Amino acid sequence: MATRAKTASAANDSADADAGTAQDAEAIEQNIERLRGDIAALAQSITQYGAGKTGEVKMRASKAGRDLAKTSQETLDGLSEELSGLEEAISTRVREKPLQSLGIAAGVGFLIAAIWSSRR
C-alpha cells in the first residue's frame, strides 16, 4: 500500500511539474510577446526621433549655406571695390609717369622671361 501511495504521489508530483512547466512556458511566451511589443514601440520612437533630427539638421545646413553665400558675396563685393581702386590708382600713376611705367613693365617682363627660360 505504501508503494501505491508513493506511486500516486510521484504521479501527482509529475502532473504538478508538467502543469508548472506549461505555466512557465506560457509565462515565457507572454514575456516574449510583451518584449516584441516593446521593441516595436522603441523602433517607432527611434524612427520619429531620427526624422525630427533630420529636419533639424537640414534646417541648420540650409541656414549655414545661406550665411556662407552671404559672407562670400560680401567678400567678393569688397574685393571688387578694392580691385577697382587699385586699377584706378595704377591708371592714374601710368598717366602721370608713362616712361617710368614702361620701364617697370619692361623690367618685370625681362624677369619673367629669365625665370621662364631657366626652368626649361
PDB file of N, CA and C in Angstrom:
ATOM      1  N   MET A   1       0.792  -1.167   0.000  1.00  0.00           N
ATOM      2  CA  MET A   1       0.000   0.000   0.000  1.00  0.00           C
ATOM      3  C   MET A   1       0.854   1.259   0.000  1.00  0.00           C
ATOM      4  N   ALA A   2       1.948   1.195   0.710  1.00  0.00           N
ATOM      5  CA  ALA A   2       2.851   2.330   0.751  1.00  0.00           C
ATOM      6  C   ALA A   2       3.439   2.571  -0.624  1.00  0.00           C
ATOM      7  N   THR A   3       3.614   1.498  -1.374  1.00  0.00           N
ATOM      8  CA  THR A   3       4.169   1.633  -2.708  1.00  0.00           C
ATOM      9  C   THR A   3       3.181   2.336  -3.612  1.00  0.00           C
ATOM     10  N   ARG A   4       1.880   1.968  -3.443  1.00  0.00           N
ATOM     11  CA  ARG A   4       0.859   2.627  -4.257  1.00  0.00           C
ATOM     12  C   ARG A   4       0.783   4.114  -3.897  1.00  0.00           C
ATOM     13  N   ALA A   5       0.915   4.459  -2.649  1.00  0.00           N
ATOM     14  CA  ALA A   5       0.856   5.851  -2.219  1.00  0.00           C
ATOM     15  C   ALA A   5       2.035   6.617  -2.787  1.00  0.00           C
ATOM     16  N   LYS A   6       3.208   5.981  -2.790  1.00  0.00           N
ATOM     17  CA  LYS A   6       4.393   6.630  -3.343  1.00  0.00           C
ATOM     18  C   LYS A   6       4.233   6.823  -4.849  1.00  0.00           C
ATOM     19  N   THR A   7       3.687   5.807  -5.519  1.00  0.00           N
ATOM     20  CA  THR A   7       3.483   5.890  -6.957  1.00  0.00           C
ATOM     21  C   THR A   7       2.468   6.978  -7.273  1.00  0.00           C
ATOM     22  N   ALA A   8       1.394   7.032  -6.497  1.00  0.00           N
ATOM     23  CA  ALA A   8       0.365   8.053  -6.705  1.00  0.00           C
ATOM     24  C   ALA A   8       0.931   9.429  -6.421  1.00  0.00           C
ATOM     25  N   SER A   9       1.742   9.521  -5.381  1.00  0.00           N
ATOM     26  CA  SER A   9       2.362  10.792  -5.023  1.00  0.00           C
ATOM     27  C   SER A   9       3.325  11.231  -6.128  1.00  0.00           C
ATOM     28  N   ALA A  10       4.086  10.289  -6.651  1.00  0.00           N
ATOM     29  CA  ALA A  10       5.030  10.597  -7.731  1.00  0.00           C
ATOM     30  C   ALA A  10       4.272  11.025  -8.970  1.00  0.00           C
ATOM     31  N   ALA A  11       3.144  10.385  -9.259  1.00  0.00           N
ATOM     32  CA  ALA A  11       2.344  10.740 -10.423  1.00  0.00           C
ATOM     33  C   ALA A  11       1.769  12.134 -10.243  1.00  0.00           C
ATOM     34  N   ASN A  12       1.317  12.447  -9.028  1.00  0.00           N
ATOM     35  CA  ASN A  12       0.785  13.783  -8.751  1.00  0.00           C
ATOM     36  C   ASN A  12       1.881  14.831  -8.879  1.00  0.00           C
ATOM     37  N   ASP A  13       3.069  14.495  -8.374  1.00  0.00           N
ATOM     38  CA  ASP A  13       4.199  15.421  -8.476  1.00  0.00           C
ATOM     39  C   ASP A  13       4.555  15.649  -9.941  1.00  0.00           C
ATOM     40  N   SER A  14       4.529  14.565 -10.740  1.00  0.00           N
ATOM     41  CA  SER A  14       4.845  14.665 -12.161  1.00  0.00           C
ATOM     42  C   SER A  14       3.799  15.514 -12.876  1.00  0.00           C
ATOM     43  N   ALA A  15       2.536  15.320 -12.529  1.00  0.00           N
ATOM     44  CA  ALA A  15       1.458  16.108 -13.136  1.00  0.00           C
ATOM     45  C   ALA A  15       1.578  17.566 -12.722  1.00  0.00           C
ATOM     46  N   ASP A  16       1.911  17.800 -11.448  1.00  0.00           N
ATOM     47  CA  ASP A  16       2.108  19.176 -10.977  1.00  0.00           C
ATOM     48  C   ASP A  16       3.290  19.819 -11.693  1.00  0.00           C
ATOM     49  N   ALA A  17       4.351  19.041 -11.901  1.00  0.00           N
ATOM     50  CA  ALA A  17       5.533  19.557 -12.582  1.00  0.00           C
ATOM     51  C   ALA A  17       5.198  19.885 -14.025  1.00  0.00           C
ATOM     52  N   ASP A  18       4.435  19.007 -14.694  1.00  0.00           N
ATOM     53  CA  ASP A  18       4.031  19.275 -16.074  1.00  0.00           C
ATOM     54  C   ASP A  18       3.163  20.523 -16.148  1.00  0.00           C
ATOM     55  N   ALA A  19       2.243  20.668 -15.191  1.00  0.00           N
ATOM     56  CA  ALA A  19       1.377  21.846 -15.157  1.00  0.00           C
ATOM     57  C   ALA A  19       2.214  23.094 -14.897  1.00  0.00           C
ATOM     58  N   GLY A  20       3.182  22.968 -13.989  1.00  0.00           N
ATOM     59  CA  GLY A  20       4.070  24.103 -13.692  1.00  0.00           C
ATOM     60  C   GLY A  20       4.916  24.463 -14.898  1.00  0.00           C
ATOM     61  N   THR A  21       5.400  23.470 -15.618  1.00  0.00           N
ATOM     62  CA  THR A  21       6.208  23.703 -16.812  1.00  0.00           C
ATOM     63  C   THR A  21       5.368  24.382 -17.888  1.00  0.00           C
ATOM     64  N   ALA A  22       4.120  23.925 -18.032  1.00  0.00           N
ATOM     65  CA  ALA A  22       3.230  24.535 -19.017  1.00  0.00           C
ATOM     66  C   ALA A  22       2.959  25.993 -18.655  1.00  0.00           C
ATOM     67  N   GLN A  23       2.773  26.270 -17.361  1.00  0.00           N
ATOM     68  CA  GLN A  23       2.536  27.649 -16.920  1.00  0.00           C
ATOM     69  C   GLN A  23       3.789  28.489 -17.140  1.00  0.00           C
ATOM     70  N   ASP A  24       4.955  27.902 -16.851  1.00  0.00           N
ATOM     71  CA  ASP A  24       6.210  28.624 -17.072  1.00  0.00           C
ATOM     72  C   ASP A  24       6.401  28.933 -18.555  1.00  0.00           C
ATOM     73  N   ALA A  25       6.109  27.958 -19.419  1.00  0.00           N
ATOM     74  CA  ALA A  25       6.246  28.165 -20.865  1.00  0.00           C
ATOM     75  C   ALA A  25       5.282  29.260 -21.330  1.00  0.00           C
ATOM     76  N   GLU A  26       4.057  29.240 -20.799  1.00  0.00           N
ATOM     77  CA  GLU A  26       3.074  30.255 -21.171  1.00  0.00           C
ATOM     78  C   GLU A  26       3.530  31.635 -20.697  1.00  0.00           C
ATOM     79  N   ALA A  27       4.082  31.710 -19.502  1.00  0.00           N
ATOM     80  CA  ALA A  27       4.589  32.986 -18.972  1.00  0.00           C
ATOM     81  C   ALA A  27       5.742  33.494 -19.829  1.00  0.00           C
ATOM     82  N   ILE A  28       6.607  32.579 -20.255  1.00  0.00           N
ATOM     83  CA  ILE A  28       7.740  32.970 -21.108  1.00  0.00           C
ATOM     84  C   ILE A  28       7.228  33.501 -22.437  1.00  0.00           C
ATOM     85  N   GLU A  29       6.237  32.808 -23.027  1.00  0.00           N
ATOM     86  CA  GLU A  29       5.676  33.267 -24.296  1.00  0.00           C
ATOM     87  C   GLU A  29       5.033  34.644 -24.147  1.00  0.00           C
ATOM     88  N   GLN A  30       4.350  34.878 -23.037  1.00  0.00           N
ATOM     89  CA  GLN A  30       3.739  36.190 -22.796  1.00  0.00           C
ATOM     90  C   GLN A  30       4.818  37.259 -22.661  1.00  0.00           C
ATOM     91  N   ASN A  31       5.901  36.930 -21.973  1.00  0.00           N
ATOM     92  CA  ASN A  31       7.005  37.887 -21.822  1.00  0.00           C
ATOM     93  C   ASN A  31       7.637  38.189 -23.176  1.00  0.00           C
ATOM     94  N   ILE A  32       7.769  37.151 -23.997  1.00  0.00           N
ATOM     95  CA  ILE A  32       8.346  37.353 -25.335  1.00  0.00           C
ATOM     96  C   ILE A  32       7.440  38.261 -26.154  1.00  0.00           C
ATOM     97  N   GLU A  33       6.148  38.054 -26.115  1.00  0.00           N
ATOM     98  CA  GLU A  33       5.208  38.907 -26.853  1.00  0.00           C
ATOM     99  C   GLU A  33       5.268  40.344 -26.350  1.00  0.00           C
ATOM    100  N   ARG A  34       5.364  40.512 -25.033  1.00  0.00           N
ATOM    101  CA  ARG A  34       5.469  41.849 -24.455  1.00  0.00           C
ATOM    102  C   ARG A  34       6.768  42.517 -24.909  1.00  0.00           C
ATOM    103  N   LEU A  35       7.857  41.745 -24.945  1.00  0.00           N
ATOM    104  CA  LEU A  35       9.137  42.287 -25.414  1.00  0.00           C
ATOM    105  C   LEU A  35       9.059  42.691 -26.882  1.00  0.00           C
ATOM    106  N   ARG A  36       8.385  41.875 -27.696  1.00  0.00           N
ATOM    107  CA  ARG A  36       8.221  42.227 -29.117  1.00  0.00           C
ATOM    108  C   ARG A  36       7.482  43.553 -29.251  1.00  0.00           C
ATOM    109  N   GLY A  37       6.441  43.718 -28.468  1.00  0.00           N
ATOM    110  CA  GLY A  37       5.693  44.981 -28.495  1.00  0.00           C
ATOM    111  C   GLY A  37       6.559  46.152 -28.045  1.00  0.00           C
ATOM    112  N   ASP A  38       7.347  45.934 -27.000  1.00  0.00           N
ATOM    113  CA  ASP A  38       8.237  46.991 -26.512  1.00  0.00           C
ATOM    114  C   ASP A  38       9.285  47.348 -27.563  1.00  0.00           C
ATOM    115  N   ILE A  39       9.824  46.331 -28.232  1.00  0.00           N
ATOM    116  CA  ILE A  39      10.840  46.578 -29.266  1.00  0.00           C
ATOM    117  C   ILE A  39      10.220  47.330 -30.439  1.00  0.00           C
ATOM    118  N   ALA A  40       9.004  46.972 -30.817  1.00  0.00           N
ATOM    119  CA  ALA A  40       8.327  47.686 -31.906  1.00  0.00           C
ATOM    120  C   ALA A  40       8.087  49.144 -31.521  1.00  0.00           C
ATOM    121  N   ALA A  41       7.660  49.366 -30.283  1.00  0.00           N
ATOM    122  CA  ALA A  41       7.434  50.742 -29.822  1.00  0.00           C
ATOM    123  C   ALA A  41       8.748  51.520 -29.791  1.00  0.00           C
ATOM    124  N   LEU A  42       9.821  50.877 -29.361  1.00  0.00           N
ATOM    125  CA  LEU A  42      11.128  51.520 -29.321  1.00  0.00           C
ATOM    126  C   LEU A  42      11.596  51.865 -30.738  1.00  0.00           C
ATOM    127  N   ALA A  43      11.397  50.937 -31.675  1.00  0.00           N
ATOM    128  CA  ALA A  43      11.793  51.199 -33.063  1.00  0.00           C
ATOM    129  C   ALA A  43      11.019  52.380 -33.625  1.00  0.00           C
ATOM    130  N   GLN A  44       9.736  52.476 -33.306  1.00  0.00           N
ATOM    131  CA  GLN A  44       8.931  53.595 -33.781  1.00  0.00           C
ATOM    132  C   GLN A  44       9.420  54.911 -33.158  1.00  0.00           C
ATOM    133  N   SER A  45       9.742  54.874 -31.880  1.00  0.00           N
ATOM    134  CA  SER A  45      10.256  56.079 -31.209  1.00  0.00           C
ATOM    135  C   SER A  45      11.570  56.527 -31.823  1.00  0.00           C
ATOM    136  N   ILE A  46      12.448  55.569 -32.113  1.00  0.00           N
ATOM    137  CA  ILE A  46      13.745  55.899 -32.726  1.00  0.00           C
ATOM    138  C   ILE A  46      13.530  56.497 -34.114  1.00  0.00           C
ATOM    139  N   THR A  47      12.586  55.937 -34.864  1.00  0.00           N
ATOM    140  CA  THR A  47      12.291  56.462 -36.199  1.00  0.00           C
ATOM    141  C   THR A  47      11.784  57.900 -36.116  1.00  0.00           C
ATOM    142  N   GLN A  48      10.883  58.164 -35.195  1.00  0.00           N
ATOM    143  CA  GLN A  48      10.360  59.521 -35.034  1.00  0.00           C
ATOM    144  C   GLN A  48      11.456  60.483 -34.603  1.00  0.00           C
ATOM    145  N   TYR A  49      12.312  60.036 -33.685  1.00  0.00           N
ATOM    146  CA  TYR A  49      13.418  60.876 -33.220  1.00  0.00           C
ATOM    147  C   TYR A  49      14.358  61.192 -34.381  1.00  0.00           C
ATOM    148  N   GLY A  50      14.685  60.158 -35.173  1.00  0.00           N
ATOM    149  CA  GLY A  50      15.573  60.353 -36.322  1.00  0.00           C
ATOM    150  C   GLY A  50      14.980  61.305 -37.342  1.00  0.00           C
ATOM    151  N   ALA A  51      13.676  61.188 -37.582  1.00  0.00           N
ATOM    152  CA  ALA A  51      13.023  62.091 -38.533  1.00  0.00           C
ATOM    153  C   ALA A  51      13.080  63.530 -38.025  1.00  0.00           C
ATOM    154  N   GLY A  52      12.878  63.703 -36.740  1.00  0.00           N
ATOM    155  CA  GLY A  52      12.964  65.049 -36.161  1.00  0.00           C
ATOM    156  C   GLY A  52      14.359  65.633 -36.272  1.00  0.00           C
ATOM    157  N   LYS A  53      15.361  64.798 -35.983  1.00  0.00           N
ATOM    158  CA  LYS A  53      16.747  65.265 -36.070  1.00  0.00           C
ATOM    159  C   LYS A  53      17.133  65.565 -37.511  1.00  0.00           C
ATOM    160  N   THR A  54      16.620  64.776 -38.457  1.00  0.00           N
ATOM    161  CA  THR A  54      16.923  65.017 -39.863  1.00  0.00           C
ATOM    162  C   THR A  54      16.421  66.393 -40.282  1.00  0.00           C
ATOM    163  N   GLY A  55      15.211  66.723 -39.880  1.00  0.00           N
ATOM    164  CA  GLY A  55      14.667  68.038 -40.196  1.00  0.00           C
ATOM    165  C   GLY A  55      15.488  69.147 -39.573  1.00  0.00           C
ATOM    166  N   GLU A  56      15.917  68.926 -38.339  1.00  0.00           N
ATOM    167  CA  GLU A  56      16.725  69.929 -37.639  1.00  0.00           C
ATOM    168  C   GLU A  56      18.066  70.132 -38.338  1.00  0.00           C
ATOM    169  N   VAL A  57      18.701  69.039 -38.741  1.00  0.00           N
ATOM    170  CA  VAL A  57      19.999  69.130 -39.420  1.00  0.00           C
ATOM    171  C   VAL A  57      19.842  69.809 -40.777  1.00  0.00           C
ATOM    172  N   LYS A  58      18.762  69.486 -41.497  1.00  0.00           N
ATOM    173  CA  LYS A  58      18.522  70.131 -42.786  1.00  0.00           C
ATOM    174  C   LYS A  58      18.366  71.638 -42.609  1.00  0.00           C
ATOM    175  N   MET A  59      17.630  72.034 -41.574  1.00  0.00           N
ATOM    176  CA  MET A  59      17.405  73.459 -41.317  1.00  0.00           C
ATOM    177  C   MET A  59      18.733  74.153 -40.993  1.00  0.00           C
ATOM    178  N   ARG A  60      19.550  73.510 -40.159  1.00  0.00           N
ATOM    179  CA  ARG A  60      20.852  74.099 -39.817  1.00  0.00           C
ATOM    180  C   ARG A  60      21.746  74.219 -41.051  1.00  0.00           C
ATOM    181  N   ALA A  61      21.763  73.165 -41.871  1.00  0.00           N
ATOM    182  CA  ALA A  61      22.602  73.175 -43.073  1.00  0.00           C
ATOM    183  C   ALA A  61      22.139  74.260 -44.039  1.00  0.00           C
ATOM    184  N   SER A  62      20.843  74.407 -44.174  1.00  0.00           N
ATOM    185  CA  SER A  62      20.306  75.433 -45.061  1.00  0.00           C
ATOM    186  C   SER A  62      20.697  76.826 -44.579  1.00  0.00           C
ATOM    187  N   LYS A  63      20.589  77.050 -43.277  1.00  0.00           N
ATOM    188  CA  LYS A  63      20.966  78.351 -42.705  1.00  0.00           C
ATOM    189  C   LYS A  63      22.454  78.598 -42.888  1.00  0.00           C
ATOM    190  N   ALA A  64      23.268  77.560 -42.659  1.00  0.00           N
ATOM    191  CA  ALA A  64      24.716  77.707 -42.829  1.00  0.00           C
ATOM    192  C   ALA A  64      25.053  78.017 -44.287  1.00  0.00           C
ATOM    193  N   GLY A  65      24.343  77.384 -45.218  1.00  0.00           N
ATOM    194  CA  GLY A  65      24.565  77.662 -46.641  1.00  0.00           C
ATOM    195  C   GLY A  65      24.218  79.093 -47.005  1.00  0.00           C
ATOM    196  N   ARG A  66      23.081  79.573 -46.478  1.00  0.00           N
ATOM    197  CA  ARG A  66      22.698  80.971 -46.742  1.00  0.00           C
ATOM    198  C   ARG A  66      23.718  81.940 -46.142  1.00  0.00           C
ATOM    199  N   ASP A  67      24.170  81.646 -44.920  1.00  0.00           N
ATOM    200  CA  ASP A  67      25.170  82.507 -44.278  1.00  0.00           C
ATOM    201  C   ASP A  67      26.470  82.518 -45.074  1.00  0.00           C
ATOM    202  N   LEU A  68      26.880  81.344 -45.540  1.00  0.00           N
ATOM    203  CA  LEU A  68      28.111  81.241 -46.322  1.00  0.00           C
ATOM    204  C   LEU A  68      27.986  82.020 -47.632  1.00  0.00           C
ATOM    205  N   ALA A  69      26.847  81.887 -48.295  1.00  0.00           N
ATOM    206  CA  ALA A  69      26.629  82.614 -49.551  1.00  0.00           C
ATOM    207  C   ALA A  69      26.665  84.124 -49.313  1.00  0.00           C
ATOM    208  N   LYS A  70      26.031  84.566 -48.230  1.00  0.00           N
ATOM    209  CA  LYS A  70      26.010  85.999 -47.913  1.00  0.00           C
ATOM    210  C   LYS A  70      27.420  86.506 -47.626  1.00  0.00           C
ATOM    211  N   THR A  71      28.169  85.757 -46.813  1.00  0.00           N
ATOM    212  CA  THR A  71      29.539  86.157 -46.469  1.00  0.00           C
ATOM    213  C   THR A  71      30.425  86.169 -47.714  1.00  0.00           C
ATOM    214  N   SER A  72      30.265  85.159 -48.566  1.00  0.00           N
ATOM    215  CA  SER A  72      31.057  85.093 -49.800  1.00  0.00           C
ATOM    216  C   SER A  72      30.753  86.282 -50.703  1.00  0.00           C
ATOM    217  N   GLN A  73      29.477  86.623 -50.837  1.00  0.00           N
ATOM    218  CA  GLN A  73      29.096  87.754 -51.682  1.00  0.00           C
ATOM    219  C   GLN A  73      29.656  89.062 -51.124  1.00  0.00           C
ATOM    220  N   GLU A  74      29.603  89.228 -49.802  1.00  0.00           N
ATOM    221  CA  GLU A  74      30.152  90.436 -49.183  1.00  0.00           C
ATOM    222  C   GLU A  74      31.659  90.528 -49.417  1.00  0.00           C
ATOM    223  N   THR A  75      32.353  89.395 -49.289  1.00  0.00           N
ATOM    224  CA  THR A  75      33.797  89.372 -49.517  1.00  0.00           C
ATOM    225  C   THR A  75      34.111  89.681 -50.974  1.00  0.00           C
ATOM    226  N   LEU A  76      33.352  89.094 -51.885  1.00  0.00           N
ATOM    227  CA  LEU A  76      33.555  89.344 -53.308  1.00  0.00           C
ATOM    228  C   LEU A  76      33.309  90.810 -53.645  1.00  0.00           C
ATOM    229  N   ASP A  77      32.270  91.384 -53.062  1.00  0.00           N
ATOM    230  CA  ASP A  77      31.989  92.806 -53.301  1.00  0.00           C
ATOM    231  C   ASP A  77      33.137  93.680 -52.789  1.00  0.00           C
ATOM    232  N   GLY A  78      33.647  93.359 -51.595  1.00  0.00           N
ATOM    233  CA  GLY A  78      34.769  94.119 -51.029  1.00  0.00           C
ATOM    234  C   GLY A  78      36.023  94.012 -51.888  1.00  0.00           C
ATOM    235  N   LEU A  79      36.306  92.791 -52.357  1.00  0.00           N
ATOM    236  CA  LEU A  79      37.483  92.610 -53.219  1.00  0.00           C
ATOM    237  C   LEU A  79      37.318  93.325 -54.557  1.00  0.00           C
ATOM    238  N   SER A  80      36.111  93.306 -55.089  1.00  0.00           N
ATOM    239  CA  SER A  80      35.866  94.015 -56.359  1.00  0.00           C
ATOM    240  C   SER A  80      36.089  95.513 -56.195  1.00  0.00           C
ATOM    241  N   GLU A  81      35.610  96.081 -55.095  1.00  0.00           N
ATOM    242  CA  GLU A  81      35.826  97.508 -54.838  1.00  0.00           C
ATOM    243  C   GLU A  81      37.313  97.815 -54.697  1.00  0.00           C
ATOM    244  N   GLU A  82      38.027  96.960 -53.973  1.00  0.00           N
ATOM    245  CA  GLU A  82      39.460  97.173 -53.783  1.00  0.00           C
ATOM    246  C   GLU A  82      40.213  97.067 -55.105  1.00  0.00           C
ATOM    247  N   LEU A  83      39.832  96.089 -55.927  1.00  0.00           N
ATOM    248  CA  LEU A  83      40.473  95.923 -57.226  1.00  0.00           C
ATOM    249  C   LEU A  83      40.196  97.128 -58.124  1.00  0.00           C
ATOM    250  N   SER A  84      38.987  97.630 -58.071  1.00  0.00           N
ATOM    251  CA  SER A  84      38.660  98.828 -58.863  1.00  0.00           C
ATOM    252  C   SER A  84      39.503 100.021 -58.415  1.00  0.00           C
ATOM    253  N   GLY A  85      39.679 100.151 -57.100  1.00  0.00           N
ATOM    254  CA  GLY A  85      40.509 101.233 -56.573  1.00  0.00           C
ATOM    255  C   GLY A  85      41.962 101.089 -57.011  1.00  0.00           C
ATOM    256  N   LEU A  86      42.483  99.861 -56.975  1.00  0.00           N
ATOM    257  CA  LEU A  86      43.870  99.648 -57.427  1.00  0.00           C
ATOM    258  C   LEU A  86      44.016  99.911 -58.917  1.00  0.00           C
ATOM    259  N   GLU A  87      43.035  99.484 -59.686  1.00  0.00           N
ATOM    260  CA  GLU A  87      43.083  99.715 -61.138  1.00  0.00           C
ATOM    261  C   GLU A  87      43.104 101.211 -61.443  1.00  0.00           C
ATOM    262  N   GLU A  88      42.282 101.948 -60.734  1.00  0.00           N
ATOM    263  CA  GLU A  88      42.239 103.391 -60.937  1.00  0.00           C
ATOM    264  C   GLU A  88      43.557 104.047 -60.515  1.00  0.00           C
ATOM    265  N   ALA A  89      44.122 103.582 -59.401  1.00  0.00           N
ATOM    266  CA  ALA A  89      45.401 104.142 -58.930  1.00  0.00           C
ATOM    267  C   ALA A  89      46.515 103.848 -59.925  1.00  0.00           C
ATOM    268  N   ILE A  90      46.539 102.653 -60.470  1.00  0.00           N
ATOM    269  CA  ILE A  90      47.583 102.299 -61.452  1.00  0.00           C
ATOM    270  C   ILE A  90      47.408 103.124 -62.721  1.00  0.00           C
ATOM    271  N   SER A  91      46.178 103.264 -63.173  1.00  0.00           N
ATOM    272  CA  SER A  91      45.933 104.065 -64.387  1.00  0.00           C
ATOM    273  C   SER A  91      46.386 105.506 -64.183  1.00  0.00           C
ATOM    274  N   THR A  92      46.083 106.042 -63.031  1.00  0.00           N
ATOM    275  CA  THR A  92      46.487 107.418 -62.732  1.00  0.00           C
ATOM    276  C   THR A  92      48.007 107.533 -62.721  1.00  0.00           C
ATOM    277  N   ARG A  93      48.662 106.556 -62.082  1.00  0.00           N
ATOM    278  CA  ARG A  93      50.131 106.563 -61.982  1.00  0.00           C
ATOM    279  C   ARG A  93      50.769 106.446 -63.362  1.00  0.00           C
ATOM    280  N   VAL A  94      50.218 105.593 -64.222  1.00  0.00           N
ATOM    281  CA  VAL A  94      50.761 105.428 -65.581  1.00  0.00           C
ATOM    282  C   VAL A  94      50.592 106.721 -66.374  1.00  0.00           C
ATOM    283  N   ARG A  95      49.473 107.405 -66.206  1.00  0.00           N
ATOM    284  CA  ARG A  95      49.257 108.668 -66.922  1.00  0.00           C
ATOM    285  C   ARG A  95      50.212 109.757 -66.430  1.00  0.00           C
ATOM    286  N   GLU A  96      50.517 109.731 -65.126  1.00  0.00           N
ATOM    287  CA  GLU A  96      51.413 110.741 -64.566  1.00  0.00           C
ATOM    288  C   GLU A  96      52.864 110.497 -64.997  1.00  0.00           C
ATOM    289  N   LYS A  97      53.289 109.237 -65.022  1.00  0.00           N
ATOM    290  CA  LYS A  97      54.684 108.911 -65.336  1.00  0.00           C
ATOM    291  C   LYS A  97      54.730 107.752 -66.328  1.00  0.00           C
ATOM    292  N   PRO A  98      54.475 108.028 -67.604  1.00  0.00           N
ATOM    293  CA  PRO A  98      54.403 106.949 -68.592  1.00  0.00           C
ATOM    294  C   PRO A  98      55.749 106.261 -68.852  1.00  0.00           C
ATOM    295  N   LEU A  99      56.847 107.010 -68.885  1.00  0.00           N
ATOM    296  CA  LEU A  99      58.149 106.397 -69.166  1.00  0.00           C
ATOM    297  C   LEU A  99      58.590 105.494 -68.009  1.00  0.00           C
ATOM    298  N   GLN A 100      58.390 105.935 -66.785  1.00  0.00           N
ATOM    299  CA  GLN A 100      58.736 105.103 -65.631  1.00  0.00           C
ATOM    300  C   GLN A 100      57.892 103.821 -65.634  1.00  0.00           C
ATOM    301  N   SER A 101      56.617 103.933 -65.958  1.00  0.00           N
ATOM    302  CA  SER A 101      55.729 102.768 -66.007  1.00  0.00           C
ATOM    303  C   SER A 101      56.166 101.804 -67.092  1.00  0.00           C
ATOM    304  N   LEU A 102      56.564 102.330 -68.234  1.00  0.00           N
ATOM    305  CA  LEU A 102      57.047 101.482 -69.330  1.00  0.00           C
ATOM    306  C   LEU A 102      58.327 100.767 -68.922  1.00  0.00           C
ATOM    307  N   GLY A 103      59.217 101.445 -68.233  1.00  0.00           N
ATOM    308  CA  GLY A 103      60.463 100.825 -67.758  1.00  0.00           C
ATOM    309  C   GLY A 103      60.184  99.711 -66.748  1.00  0.00           C
ATOM    310  N   ILE A 104      59.269  99.949 -65.840  1.00  0.00           N
ATOM    311  CA  ILE A 104      58.912  98.928 -64.845  1.00  0.00           C
ATOM    312  C   ILE A 104      58.305  97.719 -65.541  1.00  0.00           C
ATOM    313  N   ALA A 105      57.408  97.957 -66.495  1.00  0.00           N
ATOM    314  CA  ALA A 105      56.777  96.850 -67.220  1.00  0.00           C
ATOM    315  C   ALA A 105      57.822  96.044 -67.981  1.00  0.00           C
ATOM    316  N   ALA A 106      58.787  96.720 -68.607  1.00  0.00           N
ATOM    317  CA  ALA A 106      59.838  96.023 -69.357  1.00  0.00           C
ATOM    318  C   ALA A 106      60.704  95.204 -68.399  1.00  0.00           C
ATOM    319  N   GLY A 107      61.032  95.758 -67.221  1.00  0.00           N
ATOM    320  CA  GLY A 107      61.840  95.032 -66.235  1.00  0.00           C
ATOM    321  C   GLY A 107      61.117  93.788 -65.719  1.00  0.00           C
ATOM    322  N   VAL A 108      59.846  93.916 -65.428  1.00  0.00           N
ATOM    323  CA  VAL A 108      59.064  92.767 -64.957  1.00  0.00           C
ATOM    324  C   VAL A 108      58.994  91.709 -66.056  1.00  0.00           C
ATOM    325  N   GLY A 109      58.803  92.132 -67.288  1.00  0.00           N
ATOM    326  CA  GLY A 109      58.768  91.188 -68.416  1.00  0.00           C
ATOM    327  C   GLY A 109      60.085  90.463 -68.562  1.00  0.00           C
ATOM    328  N   PHE A 110      61.215  91.199 -68.420  1.00  0.00           N
ATOM    329  CA  PHE A 110      62.535  90.589 -68.528  1.00  0.00           C
ATOM    330  C   PHE A 110      62.730  89.549 -67.421  1.00  0.00           C
ATOM    331  N   LEU A 111      62.311  89.866 -66.170  1.00  0.00           N
ATOM    332  CA  LEU A 111      62.446  88.917 -65.055  1.00  0.00           C
ATOM    333  C   LEU A 111      61.614  87.647 -65.290  1.00  0.00           C
ATOM    334  N   ILE A 112      60.426  87.818 -65.776  1.00  0.00           N
ATOM    335  CA  ILE A 112      59.561  86.662 -66.043  1.00  0.00           C
ATOM    336  C   ILE A 112      60.178  85.790 -67.129  1.00  0.00           C
ATOM    337  N   ALA A 113      60.725  86.418 -68.174  1.00  0.00           N
ATOM    338  CA  ALA A 113      61.364  85.669 -69.270  1.00  0.00           C
ATOM    339  C   ALA A 113      62.601  84.944 -68.749  1.00  0.00           C
ATOM    340  N   ALA A 114      63.376  85.570 -67.866  1.00  0.00           N
ATOM    341  CA  ALA A 114      64.575  84.923 -67.332  1.00  0.00           C
ATOM    342  C   ALA A 114      64.195  83.725 -66.460  1.00  0.00           C
ATOM    343  N   ILE A 115      63.206  83.881 -65.656  1.00  0.00           N
ATOM    344  CA  ILE A 115      62.766  82.779 -64.798  1.00  0.00           C
ATOM    345  C   ILE A 115      62.219  81.657 -65.659  1.00  0.00           C
ATOM    346  N   TRP A 116      61.426  82.021 -66.661  1.00  0.00           N
ATOM    347  CA  TRP A 116      60.811  81.016 -67.527  1.00  0.00           C
ATOM    348  C   TRP A 116      61.863  80.219 -68.288  1.00  0.00           C
ATOM    349  N   SER A 117      62.888  80.892 -68.800  1.00  0.00           N
ATOM    350  CA  SER A 117      63.908  80.204 -69.577  1.00  0.00           C
ATOM    351  C   SER A 117      64.819  79.362 -68.691  1.00  0.00           C
ATOM    352  N   SER A 118      65.008  79.732 -67.419  1.00  0.00           N
ATOM    353  CA  SER A 118      65.860  78.947 -66.536  1.00  0.00           C
ATOM    354  C   SER A 118      65.170  77.664 -66.087  1.00  0.00           C
ATOM    355  N   ARG A 119      63.865  77.628 -66.152  1.00  0.00           N
ATOM    356  CA  ARG A 119      63.109  76.413 -65.788  1.00  0.00           C
ATOM    357  C   ARG A 119      63.200  75.349 -66.883  1.00  0.00           C
ATOM    358  N   ARG A 120      63.432  75.778 -68.096  1.00  0.00           N
ATOM    359  CA  ARG A 120      63.500  74.834 -69.216  1.00  0.00           C
ATOM    360  C   ARG A 120      64.864  74.325 -69.293  1.00  0.00           C
TER     361      ARG A 120
END
